[in-house]
Amino acid sequence: MENEMRTFGYLCPACGKPVMAARSLFALEASGVEVECGCGGSSLRTEFDGQRCKLFVPCGLCGETHTARCAPEDLTREGGVAFGCAKSQEFCCYVGDEGSVEKHLRTLEVLAEKEKRNQENGGEPFLDSVIMYEVLSELKEIAARENGITCGCGSHDYAMDIRRSAVDLSCKDCGAKLRIPAATEDDLDDLCCHLRLTIPGGA
């Protein structure tokens, strides 16, 4: 695997700040890596059993520590890899190149702050109701276009699952999914750039 470097990033549940550090995949396989927040309140750790990596991820969304497993080669994927929080259905940890991890962590900070405000206000069904309704409206417009929403497998038959801060499109034929984030202004801007959407299904 050589001494390839990857950036690990998460949001500290203790102080709320993003934590990022580059580590070599050689170190990951040799002895595991540890990425600790400067506040000392949390740290991301990995273990390697010879075949798969086990990650212990502090979650800045629910406050718990999640466990994830993946093959070492998954961490070298172009665009990186993300690990999720089962409670919030959001990604809470990213591994990839520094630029993309930093971008994802900025979004995660916004989500965590909105979640905190939402809980203080009694808990709304959506993380940001205004953004969610705008995203749903935009999706309706895209779907109304000819071949507006299709799947890579060739199917035009899809289902829509509305979550707290995202909309999942799933192909009814092959089961492939496409998540449309729906919690920030950037999410809405990104969606508005698309005239059509393609679920990344198999050919």
Protein backbone atom coordinates (compact mmCIF):
# COMPACT_ATOMS: atom_id res chain seq x y z
CA MET A 1 0.00 0.00 0.00
CA GLU A 2 3.10 2.11 0.33
CA ASN A 3 3.24 5.13 2.60
CA GLU A 4 0.17 6.92 1.28
CA MET A 5 -1.22 9.67 3.51
CA ARG A 6 -4.91 10.15 4.22
CA THR A 7 -6.61 12.83 6.29
CA PHE A 8 -8.93 11.69 9.09
CA GLY A 9 -11.57 14.14 10.29
CA TYR A 10 -14.42 14.26 12.80
CA LEU A 11 -16.29 16.76 14.98
CA CYS A 12 -15.33 16.64 18.66
CA PRO A 13 -18.40 15.93 20.83
CA ALA A 14 -16.70 17.58 23.82
CA CYS A 15 -15.84 21.02 22.40
CA GLY A 16 -17.70 21.00 19.07
CA LYS A 17 -14.64 21.82 16.98
CA PRO A 18 -13.53 19.96 13.83
CA VAL A 19 -10.53 17.66 14.29
CA MET A 20 -8.28 16.82 11.33
CA ALA A 21 -4.96 15.03 10.98
CA ALA A 22 -3.05 13.27 8.21
CA ARG A 23 -1.84 9.74 8.90
CA SER A 24 -0.03 7.18 6.74
CA LEU A 25 -1.82 4.01 5.72
CA PHE A 26 1.39 2.18 6.62
CA ALA A 27 0.94 3.32 10.23
CA LEU A 28 -2.72 2.29 10.04
CA GLU A 29 -1.76 -1.28 9.19
CA ALA A 30 1.33 -1.43 11.41
CA SER A 31 0.05 -0.12 14.73
CA GLY A 32 -3.20 1.73 14.18
CA VAL A 33 -3.63 5.49 14.27
CA GLU A 34 -4.99 7.93 16.83
CA VAL A 35 -6.29 11.42 16.09
CA GLU A 36 -6.94 13.39 19.27
CA CYS A 37 -8.75 16.70 19.70
CA GLY A 38 -6.67 19.53 21.14
CA CYS A 39 -9.16 19.86 24.01
CA GLY A 40 -8.33 16.32 25.14
CA GLY A 41 -12.01 15.40 25.25
CA SER A 42 -12.06 12.90 22.40
CA SER A 43 -9.92 10.86 20.03
CA LEU A 44 -10.50 8.78 16.92
CA ARG A 45 -8.71 5.41 17.02
CA THR A 46 -8.17 2.57 14.57
CA GLU A 47 -7.23 -1.10 14.90
CA PHE A 48 -6.15 -3.48 12.14
CA ASP A 49 -6.63 -7.27 12.37
CA GLY A 50 -4.66 -8.12 9.26
CA GLN A 51 -7.63 -7.82 6.92
CA ARG A 52 -9.99 -5.09 8.02
CA CYS A 53 -9.69 -1.74 9.79
CA LYS A 54 -11.84 -1.03 12.82
CA LEU A 55 -12.49 2.62 13.58
CA PHE A 56 -13.72 4.07 16.87
CA VAL A 57 -15.32 7.39 15.92
CA PRO A 58 -16.38 10.09 18.43
CA CYS A 59 -19.64 11.56 17.11
CA GLY A 60 -20.17 15.31 17.25
CA LEU A 61 -23.87 14.84 16.47
CA CYS A 62 -25.11 12.39 19.12
CA GLY A 63 -22.14 12.45 21.52
CA GLU A 64 -21.53 8.70 21.43
CA THR A 65 -18.58 6.75 19.98
CA HIS A 66 -19.43 4.70 16.90
CA THR A 67 -17.60 1.64 15.60
CA ALA A 68 -17.08 1.15 11.86
CA ARG A 69 -15.23 -1.48 9.83
CA CYS A 70 -13.75 -1.27 6.35
CA ALA A 71 -11.02 -2.76 4.18
CA PRO A 72 -7.79 -0.71 4.03
CA GLU A 73 -8.27 -0.18 0.29
CA ASP A 74 -11.60 1.56 1.00
CA LEU A 75 -9.62 4.40 2.59
CA THR A 76 -7.72 5.00 -0.66
CA ARG A 77 -10.90 5.48 -2.69
CA GLU A 78 -11.01 8.59 -4.84
CA GLY A 79 -13.19 11.15 -3.11
CA GLY A 80 -12.60 9.43 0.23
CA VAL A 81 -14.97 7.52 2.48
CA ALA A 82 -17.48 8.60 5.13
CA PHE A 83 -18.82 6.86 8.22
CA GLY A 84 -22.25 7.57 9.64
CA CYS A 85 -24.12 8.11 12.89
CA ALA A 86 -26.98 5.62 13.16
CA LYS A 87 -29.01 7.95 15.39
CA SER A 88 -28.93 11.06 13.19
CA GLN A 89 -28.54 9.24 9.84
CA GLU A 90 -25.74 11.70 9.06
CA PHE A 91 -22.07 11.17 8.26
CA CYS A 92 -19.90 12.00 11.27
CA CYS A 93 -16.39 11.01 10.14
CA TYR A 94 -14.48 11.45 6.88
CA VAL A 95 -11.26 9.94 5.53
CA GLY A 96 -9.78 11.25 2.28
CA ASP A 97 -7.76 14.10 0.86
CA GLU A 98 -7.37 17.16 3.08
CA GLY A 99 -9.48 19.50 0.94
CA SER A 100 -12.56 17.29 0.76
CA VAL A 101 -12.37 16.32 4.45
CA GLU A 102 -12.13 20.01 5.43
CA LYS A 103 -15.16 20.85 3.28
CA HIS A 104 -17.24 18.02 4.77
CA LEU A 105 -16.30 19.04 8.31
CA ARG A 106 -17.47 22.63 7.67
CA THR A 107 -20.85 21.24 6.63
CA LEU A 108 -20.88 18.94 9.66
CA GLU A 109 -20.29 21.95 11.95
CA VAL A 110 -23.35 23.67 10.46
CA LEU A 111 -25.45 20.51 10.88
CA ALA A 112 -24.39 20.11 14.51
CA GLU A 113 -25.21 23.73 15.30
CA LYS A 114 -28.61 23.46 13.62
CA GLU A 115 -29.31 20.22 15.49
CA LYS A 116 -28.45 21.91 18.78
CA ARG A 117 -30.77 24.85 18.06
CA ASN A 118 -33.48 22.49 16.87
CA GLN A 119 -33.39 20.52 20.14
CA GLU A 120 -33.53 23.76 22.13
CA ASN A 121 -36.68 24.70 20.20
CA GLY A 122 -38.44 21.47 21.02
CA GLY A 123 -37.32 19.45 18.00
CA GLU A 124 -38.74 20.01 14.52
CA PRO A 125 -39.28 17.09 12.09
CA PHE A 126 -36.57 18.48 9.80
CA LEU A 127 -33.19 19.94 10.70
CA ASP A 128 -34.08 23.03 8.63
CA SER A 129 -37.68 22.99 7.44
CA VAL A 130 -37.25 25.90 5.01
CA ILE A 131 -34.31 24.24 3.24
CA MET A 132 -36.07 20.86 3.19
CA TYR A 133 -39.21 22.28 1.54
CA GLU A 134 -37.08 24.17 -1.01
CA VAL A 135 -35.15 20.96 -1.82
CA LEU A 136 -38.40 18.99 -2.19
CA SER A 137 -39.76 21.68 -4.49
CA GLU A 138 -36.59 21.56 -6.60
CA LEU A 139 -36.74 17.76 -6.75
CA LYS A 140 -40.34 18.00 -7.95
CA GLU A 141 -39.24 20.30 -10.79
CA ILE A 142 -36.37 17.99 -11.76
CA ALA A 143 -38.67 14.95 -11.71
CA ALA A 144 -41.14 16.73 -14.00
CA ARG A 145 -38.51 17.04 -16.76
CA GLU A 146 -38.12 14.31 -19.35
CA ASN A 147 -35.67 11.75 -17.92
CA GLY A 148 -35.33 14.08 -14.94
CA ILE A 149 -34.55 11.32 -12.42
CA THR A 150 -33.14 8.04 -13.72
CA CYS A 151 -30.86 5.25 -12.56
CA GLY A 152 -27.58 4.12 -14.05
CA CYS A 153 -29.13 0.68 -14.56
CA GLY A 154 -31.54 2.23 -17.07
CA SER A 155 -34.61 2.29 -14.83
CA HIS A 156 -36.92 5.30 -14.47
CA ASP A 157 -38.76 3.78 -11.49
CA TYR A 158 -37.60 5.21 -8.17
CA ALA A 159 -38.77 5.82 -4.60
CA MET A 160 -38.18 8.88 -2.43
CA ASP A 161 -37.47 8.59 1.30
CA ILE A 162 -37.55 11.91 3.18
CA ARG A 163 -35.23 11.95 6.18
CA ARG A 164 -34.48 14.57 8.84
CA SER A 165 -31.79 16.36 6.84
CA ALA A 166 -31.68 14.58 3.48
CA VAL A 167 -33.80 12.95 0.79
CA ASP A 168 -32.85 9.46 -0.39
CA LEU A 169 -33.71 8.46 -3.94
CA SER A 170 -33.66 4.69 -4.49
CA CYS A 171 -34.06 2.70 -7.69
CA LYS A 172 -36.97 0.26 -7.45
CA ASP A 173 -35.26 -2.12 -9.90
CA CYS A 174 -31.65 -2.44 -8.72
CA GLY A 175 -31.89 -0.91 -5.23
CA ALA A 176 -29.16 1.71 -5.79
CA LYS A 177 -29.45 4.90 -3.74
CA LEU A 178 -28.62 8.57 -4.12
CA ARG A 179 -28.66 10.83 -1.05
CA ILE A 180 -29.61 14.47 -1.57
CA PRO A 181 -28.51 16.52 1.48
CA ALA A 182 -31.19 18.98 2.58
CA ALA A 183 -29.97 20.96 5.58
CA THR A 184 -27.93 23.96 4.41
CA GLU A 185 -27.98 26.72 1.80
CA ASP A 186 -25.06 24.97 0.08
CA ASP A 187 -27.16 21.79 -0.21
CA LEU A 188 -29.88 23.75 -1.98
CA ASP A 189 -27.39 25.55 -4.24
CA ASP A 190 -25.78 22.24 -5.22
CA LEU A 191 -29.14 20.73 -6.15
CA CYS A 192 -30.18 23.78 -8.17
CA CYS A 193 -27.12 23.21 -10.39
CA HIS A 194 -28.63 19.95 -11.66
CA LEU A 195 -31.18 19.78 -14.48
CA ARG A 196 -31.31 15.99 -14.07
CA LEU A 197 -30.28 13.44 -11.46
CA THR A 198 -28.87 9.96 -12.00
CA ILE A 199 -28.91 7.35 -9.25
CA PRO A 200 -25.53 5.57 -9.49
CA GLY A 201 -26.91 2.10 -10.22
CA GLY A 202 -25.23 -0.78 -12.00
CA ALA A 203 -25.34 -1.12 -15.76
